PDB file of all heavy atoms in Angstrom:
ATOM      1  N   LEU A   1     104.184  99.979  95.796  1.00  0.00           N
ATOM      2  CA  LEU A   1     105.007  99.472  96.890  1.00  0.00           C
ATOM      3  C   LEU A   1     105.623  98.120  96.533  1.00  0.00           C
ATOM      4  O   LEU A   1     106.770  97.823  96.901  1.00  0.00           O
ATOM      5  CB  LEU A   1     104.172  99.363  98.164  1.00  0.00           C
ATOM      6  CG  LEU A   1     103.728 100.688  98.804  1.00  0.00           C
ATOM      7  CD1 LEU A   1     102.803 100.422  99.991  1.00  0.00           C
ATOM      8  CD2 LEU A   1     104.944 101.497  99.256  1.00  0.00           C
ATOM      9  N   GLY A   2     104.855  97.310  95.802  1.00  0.00           N
ATOM     10  CA  GLY A   2     105.384  95.999  95.418  1.00  0.00           C
ATOM     11  C   GLY A   2     106.511  96.078  94.413  1.00  0.00           C
ATOM     12  O   GLY A   2     107.355  95.189  94.334  1.00  0.00           O
ATOM     13  N   SER A   3     106.515  97.165  93.603  1.00  0.00           N
ATOM     14  CA  SER A   3     107.553  97.318  92.569  1.00  0.00           C
ATOM     15  C   SER A   3     108.730  98.171  93.044  1.00  0.00           C
ATOM     16  O   SER A   3     109.713  98.335  92.318  1.00  0.00           O
ATOM     17  CB  SER A   3     106.950  97.956  91.304  1.00  0.00           C
ATOM     18  OG  SER A   3     105.866  97.203  90.818  1.00  0.00           O
ATOM     19  N   ALA A   4     108.635  98.746  94.246  1.00  0.00           N
ATOM     20  CA  ALA A   4     109.663  99.687  94.719  1.00  0.00           C
ATOM     21  C   ALA A   4     110.895  98.936  95.231  1.00  0.00           C
ATOM     22  O   ALA A   4     110.827  97.767  95.628  1.00  0.00           O
ATOM     23  CB  ALA A   4     109.076 100.567  95.813  1.00  0.00           C
ATOM     24  N   ASP A   5     112.006  99.676  95.219  1.00  0.00           N
ATOM     25  CA  ASP A   5     113.280  99.154  95.742  1.00  0.00           C
ATOM     26  C   ASP A   5     113.886 100.232  96.638  1.00  0.00           C
ATOM     27  O   ASP A   5     114.123 101.354  96.198  1.00  0.00           O
ATOM     28  CB  ASP A   5     114.227  98.827  94.580  1.00  0.00           C
ATOM     29  CG  ASP A   5     115.554  98.278  95.089  1.00  0.00           C
ATOM     30  OD1 ASP A   5     115.559  97.701  96.201  1.00  0.00           O
ATOM     31  OD2 ASP A   5     116.561  98.442  94.376  1.00  0.00           O
ATOM     32  N   ILE A   6     114.121  99.880  97.914  1.00  0.00           N
ATOM     33  CA  ILE A   6     114.678 100.830  98.882  1.00  0.00           C
ATOM     34  C   ILE A   6     116.079 100.352  99.266  1.00  0.00           C
ATOM     35  O   ILE A   6     116.245  99.211  99.716  1.00  0.00           O
ATOM     36  CB  ILE A   6     113.776 100.950 100.118  1.00  0.00           C
ATOM     37  CG1 ILE A   6     112.348 101.387  99.696  1.00  0.00           C
ATOM     38  CG2 ILE A   6     114.353 101.940 101.116  1.00  0.00           C
ATOM     39  CD1 ILE A   6     111.370 101.444 100.840  1.00  0.00           C
ATOM     40  N   THR A   7     117.061 101.248  99.080  1.00  0.00           N
ATOM     41  CA  THR A   7     118.451 100.884  99.373  1.00  0.00           C
ATOM     42  C   THR A   7     118.728 100.982 100.869  1.00  0.00           C
ATOM     43  O   THR A   7     117.897 101.487 101.640  1.00  0.00           O
ATOM     44  CB  THR A   7     119.403 101.827  98.619  1.00  0.00           C
ATOM     45  OG1 THR A   7     119.190 103.157  99.099  1.00  0.00           O
ATOM     46  CG2 THR A   7     119.135 101.778  97.111  1.00  0.00           C
ATOM     47  N   ASN A   8     119.938 100.485 101.267  1.00  0.00           N
ATOM     48  CA  ASN A   8     120.316 100.515 102.691  1.00  0.00           C
ATOM     49  C   ASN A   8     120.472 101.926 103.233  1.00  0.00           C
ATOM     50  O   ASN A   8     120.332 102.157 104.436  1.00  0.00           O
ATOM     51  CB  ASN A   8     121.622  99.736 102.909  1.00  0.00           C
ATOM     52  CG  ASN A   8     121.396  98.235 102.720  1.00  0.00           C
ATOM     53  OD1 ASN A   8     120.296  97.738 102.985  1.00  0.00           O
ATOM     54  ND2 ASN A   8     122.430  97.530 102.274  1.00  0.00           N
ATOM     55  N   ASP A   9     120.750 102.851 102.323  1.00  0.00           N
ATOM     56  CA  ASP A   9     120.887 104.238 102.806  1.00  0.00           C
ATOM     57  C   ASP A   9     119.565 105.001 102.720  1.00  0.00           C
ATOM     58  O   ASP A   9     119.531 106.217 102.837  1.00  0.00           O
ATOM     59  CB  ASP A   9     121.965 104.974 102.009  1.00  0.00           C
ATOM     60  CG  ASP A   9     121.677 104.991 100.523  1.00  0.00           C
ATOM     61  OD1 ASP A   9     120.660 104.347 100.095  1.00  0.00           O
ATOM     62  OD2 ASP A   9     122.409 105.652  99.777  1.00  0.00           O
ATOM     63  N   GLY A  10     118.451 104.287 102.483  1.00  0.00           N
ATOM     64  CA  GLY A  10     117.129 104.898 102.522  1.00  0.00           C
ATOM     65  C   GLY A  10     116.671 105.513 101.228  1.00  0.00           C
ATOM     66  O   GLY A  10     115.682 106.262 101.213  1.00  0.00           O
ATOM     67  N   GLN A  11     117.341 105.203 100.118  1.00  0.00           N
ATOM     68  CA  GLN A  11     116.924 105.744  98.830  1.00  0.00           C
ATOM     69  C   GLN A  11     115.768 104.910  98.261  1.00  0.00           C
ATOM     70  O   GLN A  11     115.824 103.672  98.226  1.00  0.00           O
ATOM     71  CB  GLN A  11     118.107 105.750  97.841  1.00  0.00           C
ATOM     72  CG  GLN A  11     119.234 106.687  98.242  1.00  0.00           C
ATOM     73  CD  GLN A  11     118.799 108.120  98.226  1.00  0.00           C
ATOM     74  OE1 GLN A  11     118.045 108.535  97.357  1.00  0.00           O
ATOM     75  NE2 GLN A  11     119.280 108.894  99.210  1.00  0.00           N
ATOM     76  N   PHE A  12     114.710 105.608  97.838  1.00  0.00           N
ATOM     77  CA  PHE A  12     113.516 104.952  97.268  1.00  0.00           C
ATOM     78  C   PHE A  12     113.644 104.984  95.754  1.00  0.00           C
ATOM     79  O   PHE A  12     113.707 106.048  95.132  1.00  0.00           O
ATOM     80  CB  PHE A  12     112.247 105.701  97.703  1.00  0.00           C
ATOM     81  CG  PHE A  12     110.983 104.985  97.319  1.00  0.00           C
ATOM     82  CD1 PHE A  12     110.342 104.135  98.211  1.00  0.00           C
ATOM     83  CD2 PHE A  12     110.412 105.178  96.062  1.00  0.00           C
ATOM     84  CE1 PHE A  12     109.179 103.489  97.852  1.00  0.00           C
ATOM     85  CE2 PHE A  12     109.242 104.516  95.713  1.00  0.00           C
ATOM     86  CZ  PHE A  12     108.626 103.661  96.607  1.00  0.00           C
ATOM     87  N   ASN A  13     113.698 103.808  95.151  1.00  0.00           N
ATOM     88  CA  ASN A  13     113.893 103.698  93.711  1.00  0.00           C
ATOM     89  C   ASN A  13     112.709 102.944  93.095  1.00  0.00           C
ATOM     90  O   ASN A  13     112.252 101.915  93.609  1.00  0.00           O
ATOM     91  CB  ASN A  13     115.194 102.964  93.370  1.00  0.00           C
ATOM     92  CG  ASN A  13     116.419 103.732  93.854  1.00  0.00           C
ATOM     93  OD1 ASN A  13     116.466 104.957  93.728  1.00  0.00           O
ATOM     94  ND2 ASN A  13     117.392 103.032  94.437  1.00  0.00           N
ATOM     95  N   LEU A  14     112.243 103.483  91.988  1.00  0.00           N
ATOM     96  CA  LEU A  14     111.177 102.817  91.231  1.00  0.00           C
ATOM     97  C   LEU A  14     111.379 103.181  89.770  1.00  0.00           C
ATOM     98  O   LEU A  14     111.207 104.336  89.371  1.00  0.00           O
ATOM     99  CB  LEU A  14     109.789 103.283  91.703  1.00  0.00           C
ATOM    100  CG  LEU A  14     108.599 102.536  91.109  1.00  0.00           C
ATOM    101  CD1 LEU A  14     108.640 101.056  91.492  1.00  0.00           C
ATOM    102  CD2 LEU A  14     107.280 103.149  91.598  1.00  0.00           C
ATOM    103  N   ALA A  15     111.796 102.203  88.990  1.00  0.00           N
ATOM    104  CA  ALA A  15     112.105 102.461  87.580  1.00  0.00           C
ATOM    105  C   ALA A  15     110.829 102.780  86.815  1.00  0.00           C
ATOM    106  O   ALA A  15     109.787 102.167  87.034  1.00  0.00           O
ATOM    107  CB  ALA A  15     112.794 101.247  86.976  1.00  0.00           C
ATOM    108  N   PRO A  16     110.866 103.741  85.908  1.00  0.00           N
ATOM    109  CA  PRO A  16     109.677 104.108  85.132  1.00  0.00           C
ATOM    110  C   PRO A  16     109.105 102.942  84.342  1.00  0.00           C
ATOM    111  O   PRO A  16     107.889 102.873  84.120  1.00  0.00           O
ATOM    112  CB  PRO A  16     110.181 105.214  84.198  1.00  0.00           C
ATOM    113  CG  PRO A  16     111.351 105.799  84.922  1.00  0.00           C
ATOM    114  CD  PRO A  16     112.005 104.649  85.640  1.00  0.00           C
ATOM    115  N   ARG A  17     109.978 101.982  83.932  1.00  0.00           N
ATOM    116  CA  ARG A  17     109.468 100.887  83.118  1.00  0.00           C
ATOM    117  C   ARG A  17     108.608  99.906  83.896  1.00  0.00           C
ATOM    118  O   ARG A  17     107.878  99.110  83.302  1.00  0.00           O
ATOM    119  CB  ARG A  17     110.653 100.163  82.465  1.00  0.00           C
ATOM    120  CG  ARG A  17     111.558  99.469  83.444  1.00  0.00           C
ATOM    121  CD  ARG A  17     112.668  98.701  82.714  1.00  0.00           C
ATOM    122  NE  ARG A  17     113.510  97.972  83.647  1.00  0.00           N
ATOM    123  CZ  ARG A  17     114.544  98.468  84.298  1.00  0.00           C
ATOM    124  NH1 ARG A  17     114.870  99.758  84.089  1.00  0.00           N
ATOM    125  NH2 ARG A  17     115.254  97.737  85.139  1.00  0.00           N
ATOM    126  N   VAL A  18     108.727  99.942  85.200  1.00  0.00           N
ATOM    127  CA  VAL A  18     107.940  99.008  86.017  1.00  0.00           C
ATOM    128  C   VAL A  18     106.736  99.699  86.654  1.00  0.00           C
ATOM    129  O   VAL A  18     106.071  99.116  87.506  1.00  0.00           O
ATOM    130  CB  VAL A  18     108.812  98.382  87.118  1.00  0.00           C
ATOM    131  CG1 VAL A  18     109.935  97.554  86.511  1.00  0.00           C
ATOM    132  CG2 VAL A  18     109.363  99.456  88.055  1.00  0.00           C
ATOM    133  N   LEU A  19     106.451 100.922  86.249  1.00  0.00           N
ATOM    134  CA  LEU A  19     105.276 101.600  86.788  1.00  0.00           C
ATOM    135  C   LEU A  19     104.011 100.846  86.369  1.00  0.00           C
ATOM    136  O   LEU A  19     103.852 100.481  85.187  1.00  0.00           O
ATOM    137  CB  LEU A  19     105.200 103.043  86.277  1.00  0.00           C
ATOM    138  CG  LEU A  19     106.284 104.001  86.816  1.00  0.00           C
ATOM    139  CD1 LEU A  19     106.171 105.366  86.152  1.00  0.00           C
ATOM    140  CD2 LEU A  19     106.181 104.131  88.328  1.00  0.00           C
ATOM    141  N   PRO A  20     103.059 100.618  87.304  1.00  0.00           N
ATOM    142  CA  PRO A  20     101.875  99.807  86.980  1.00  0.00           C
ATOM    143  C   PRO A  20     100.861 100.516  86.076  1.00  0.00           C
ATOM    144  O   PRO A  20     100.007  99.858  85.485  1.00  0.00           O
ATOM    145  CB  PRO A  20     101.273  99.524  88.354  1.00  0.00           C
ATOM    146  CG  PRO A  20     101.754 100.610  89.233  1.00  0.00           C
ATOM    147  CD  PRO A  20     103.099 100.985  88.732  1.00  0.00           C
ATOM    148  N   GLU A  21     100.917 101.836  85.961  1.00  0.00           N
ATOM    149  CA  GLU A  21      99.979 102.588  85.122  1.00  0.00           C
ATOM    150  C   GLU A  21     100.762 103.433  84.132  1.00  0.00           C
ATOM    151  O   GLU A  21     101.707 104.123  84.513  1.00  0.00           O
ATOM    152  CB  GLU A  21      99.089 103.509  85.971  1.00  0.00           C
ATOM    153  CG  GLU A  21      97.989 102.808  86.745  1.00  0.00           C
ATOM    154  CD  GLU A  21      96.804 102.429  85.852  1.00  0.00           C
ATOM    155  OE1 GLU A  21      96.739 102.923  84.710  1.00  0.00           O
ATOM    156  OE2 GLU A  21      95.958 101.627  86.308  1.00  0.00           O
ATOM    157  N   SER A  22     100.382 103.376  82.849  1.00  0.00           N
ATOM    158  CA  SER A  22     101.086 104.155  81.831  1.00  0.00           C
ATOM    159  C   SER A  22     100.892 105.656  82.044  1.00  0.00           C
ATOM    160  O   SER A  22     101.742 106.464  81.645  1.00  0.00           O
ATOM    161  CB  SER A  22     100.587 103.767  80.437  1.00  0.00           C
ATOM    162  OG  SER A  22      99.184 103.997  80.321  1.00  0.00           O
ATOM    163  N   ASP A  23      99.765 106.055  82.674  1.00  0.00           N
ATOM    164  CA  ASP A  23      99.532 107.487  82.918  1.00  0.00           C
ATOM    165  C   ASP A  23     100.563 108.061  83.874  1.00  0.00           C
ATOM    166  O   ASP A  23     100.807 109.273  83.875  1.00  0.00           O
ATOM    167  CB  ASP A  23      98.123 107.702  83.489  1.00  0.00           C
ATOM    168  CG  ASP A  23      97.034 107.517  82.436  1.00  0.00           C
ATOM    169  OD1 ASP A  23      97.366 107.548  81.240  1.00  0.00           O
ATOM    170  OD2 ASP A  23      95.845 107.341  82.814  1.00  0.00           O
ATOM    171  N   LEU A  24     101.178 107.214  84.705  1.00  0.00           N
ATOM    172  CA  LEU A  24     102.209 107.709  85.608  1.00  0.00           C
ATOM    173  C   LEU A  24     103.471 108.107  84.859  1.00  0.00           C
ATOM    174  O   LEU A  24     104.295 108.880  85.378  1.00  0.00           O
ATOM    175  CB  LEU A  24     102.542 106.651  86.659  1.00  0.00           C
ATOM    176  CG  LEU A  24     101.433 106.347  87.681  1.00  0.00           C
ATOM    177  CD1 LEU A  24     101.833 105.165  88.561  1.00  0.00           C
ATOM    178  CD2 LEU A  24     101.137 107.582  88.542  1.00  0.00           C
ATOM    179  N   SER A  25     103.642 107.604  83.645  1.00  0.00           N
ATOM    180  CA  SER A  25     104.844 107.920  82.863  1.00  0.00           C
ATOM    181  C   SER A  25     104.629 109.110  81.941  1.00  0.00           C
ATOM    182  O   SER A  25     105.590 109.679  81.424  1.00  0.00           O
ATOM    183  CB  SER A  25     105.255 106.705  82.016  1.00  0.00           C
ATOM    184  OG  SER A  25     105.490 105.588  82.839  1.00  0.00           O
ATOM    185  N   ARG A  26     103.367 109.509  81.703  1.00  0.00           N
ATOM    186  CA  ARG A  26     103.073 110.602  80.790  1.00  0.00           C
ATOM    187  C   ARG A  26     102.959 111.902  81.575  1.00  0.00           C
ATOM    188  O   ARG A  26     102.160 112.004  82.509  1.00  0.00           O
ATOM    189  CB  ARG A  26     101.787 110.323  80.037  1.00  0.00           C
ATOM    190  CG  ARG A  26     101.569 111.277  78.854  1.00  0.00           C
ATOM    191  CD  ARG A  26     100.395 110.872  77.979  1.00  0.00           C
ATOM    192  NE  ARG A  26      99.113 110.983  78.689  1.00  0.00           N
ATOM    193  CZ  ARG A  26      98.403 109.973  79.132  1.00  0.00           C
ATOM    194  NH1 ARG A  26      98.859 108.725  78.951  1.00  0.00           N
ATOM    195  NH2 ARG A  26      97.260 110.161  79.768  1.00  0.00           N
ATOM    196  N   PRO A  27     103.748 112.929  81.235  1.00  0.00           N
ATOM    197  CA  PRO A  27     103.754 114.184  82.001  1.00  0.00           C
ATOM    198  C   PRO A  27     102.365 114.830  82.045  1.00  0.00           C
ATOM    199  O   PRO A  27     101.665 114.919  81.031  1.00  0.00           O
ATOM    200  CB  PRO A  27     104.761 115.066  81.250  1.00  0.00           C
ATOM    201  CG  PRO A  27     105.635 114.092  80.531  1.00  0.00           C
ATOM    202  CD  PRO A  27     104.760 112.942  80.150  1.00  0.00           C
ATOM    203  N   ASP A  28     102.028 115.261  83.251  1.00  0.00           N
ATOM    204  CA  ASP A  28     100.766 115.983  83.504  1.00  0.00           C
ATOM    205  C   ASP A  28      99.552 115.238  82.943  1.00  0.00           C
ATOM    206  O   ASP A  28      98.664 115.825  82.328  1.00  0.00           O
ATOM    207  CB  ASP A  28     100.843 117.385  82.904  1.00  0.00           C
ATOM    208  CG  ASP A  28      99.867 118.335  83.597  1.00  0.00           C
ATOM    209  OD1 ASP A  28      99.408 118.015  84.721  1.00  0.00           O
ATOM    210  OD2 ASP A  28      99.542 119.382  83.013  1.00  0.00           O
ATOM    211  N   SER A  29      99.515 113.929  83.172  1.00  0.00           N
ATOM    212  CA  SER A  29      98.431 113.094  82.673  1.00  0.00           C
ATOM    213  C   SER A  29      97.187 113.162  83.554  1.00  0.00           C
ATOM    214  O   SER A  29      96.106 112.757  83.150  1.00  0.00           O
ATOM    215  CB  SER A  29      98.899 111.637  82.568  1.00  0.00           C
ATOM    216  OG  SER A  29      99.227 111.139  83.872  1.00  0.00           O
ATOM    217  N   GLY A  30      97.364 113.637  84.778  1.00  0.00           N
ATOM    218  CA  GLY A  30      96.245 113.674  85.712  1.00  0.00           C
ATOM    219  C   GLY A  30      96.336 112.616  86.778  1.00  0.00           C
ATOM    220  O   GLY A  30      95.596 112.659  87.765  1.00  0.00           O
ATOM    221  N   LEU A  31      97.261 111.655  86.615  1.00  0.00           N
ATOM    222  CA  LEU A  31      97.489 110.623  87.627  1.00  0.00           C
ATOM    223  C   LEU A  31      98.927 110.777  88.110  1.00  0.00           C
ATOM    224  O   LEU A  31      99.873 110.738  87.312  1.00  0.00           O
ATOM    225  CB  LEU A  31      97.270 109.237  87.028  1.00  0.00           C
ATOM    226  CG  LEU A  31      97.425 108.055  87.986  1.00  0.00           C
ATOM    227  CD1 LEU A  31      96.386 108.103  89.096  1.00  0.00           C
ATOM    228  CD2 LEU A  31      97.318 106.730  87.222  1.00  0.00           C
ATOM    229  N   TYR A  32      99.102 110.940  89.425  1.00  0.00           N
ATOM    230  CA  TYR A  32     100.423 111.254  89.966  1.00  0.00           C
ATOM    231  C   TYR A  32     100.722 110.359  91.157  1.00  0.00           C
ATOM    232  O   TYR A  32      99.812 109.839  91.813  1.00  0.00           O
ATOM    233  CB  TYR A  32     100.497 112.725  90.412  1.00  0.00           C
ATOM    234  CG  TYR A  32      99.887 113.698  89.420  1.00  0.00           C
ATOM    235  CD1 TYR A  32      98.661 114.325  89.685  1.00  0.00           C
ATOM    236  CD2 TYR A  32     100.540 113.991  88.228  1.00  0.00           C
ATOM    237  CE1 TYR A  32      98.105 115.212  88.787  1.00  0.00           C
ATOM    238  CE2 TYR A  32      99.991 114.892  87.327  1.00  0.00           C
ATOM    239  CZ  TYR A  32      98.774 115.491  87.600  1.00  0.00           C
ATOM    240  OH  TYR A  32      98.230 116.363  86.718  1.00  0.00           O
ATOM    241  N   ALA A  33     102.037 110.233  91.424  1.00  0.00           N
ATOM    242  CA  ALA A  33     102.492 109.500  92.612  1.00  0.00           C
ATOM    243  C   ALA A  33     103.800 110.125  93.094  1.00  0.00           C
ATOM    244  O   ALA A  33     104.616 110.587  92.294  1.00  0.00           O
ATOM    245  CB  ALA A  33     102.694 108.023  92.289  1.00  0.00           C
ATOM    246  N   MET A  34     103.982 110.126  94.410  1.00  0.00           N
ATOM    247  CA  MET A  34     105.233 110.635  94.992  1.00  0.00           C
ATOM    248  C   MET A  34     105.434 110.001  96.364  1.00  0.00           C
ATOM    249  O   MET A  34     104.484 109.490  96.971  1.00  0.00           O
ATOM    250  CB  MET A  34     105.203 112.163  95.103  1.00  0.00           C
ATOM    251  CG  MET A  34     104.204 112.700  96.107  1.00  0.00           C
ATOM    252  SD  MET A  34     104.272 114.509  96.235  1.00  0.00           S
ATOM    253  CE  MET A  34     103.062 114.796  97.521  1.00  0.00           C
ATOM    254  N   VAL A  35     106.695 110.057  96.811  1.00  0.00           N
ATOM    255  CA  VAL A  35     107.058 109.517  98.121  1.00  0.00           C
ATOM    256  C   VAL A  35     107.701 110.627  98.922  1.00  0.00           C
ATOM    257  O   VAL A  35     108.608 111.326  98.423  1.00  0.00           O
ATOM    258  CB  VAL A  35     108.007 108.317  97.989  1.00  0.00           C
ATOM    259  CG1 VAL A  35     108.435 107.817  99.367  1.00  0.00           C
ATOM    260  CG2 VAL A  35     107.353 107.190  97.190  1.00  0.00           C
ATOM    261  N   LEU A  36     107.223 110.812 100.146  1.00  0.00           N
ATOM    262  CA  LEU A  36     107.762 111.840 101.046  1.00  0.00           C
ATOM    263  C   LEU A  36     108.431 111.158 102.234  1.00  0.00           C
ATOM    264  O   LEU A  36     108.000 110.079 102.670  1.00  0.00           O
ATOM    265  CB  LEU A  36     106.641 112.749 101.566  1.00  0.00           C
ATOM    266  CG  LEU A  36     105.766 113.453 100.515  1.00  0.00           C
ATOM    267  CD1 LEU A  36     104.663 114.256 101.203  1.00  0.00           C
ATOM    268  CD2 LEU A  36     106.607 114.351  99.623  1.00  0.00           C
TER     269      LEU A  36
END
């Protein structure tokens, strides 16, 4: 949440380079995150 950027039209943006855990960048690593 601290690294996220939400635009005026409600778009939730979070660049992969600023992800706090490297496992979030590796496909099917076992650690996942999503926004609904």
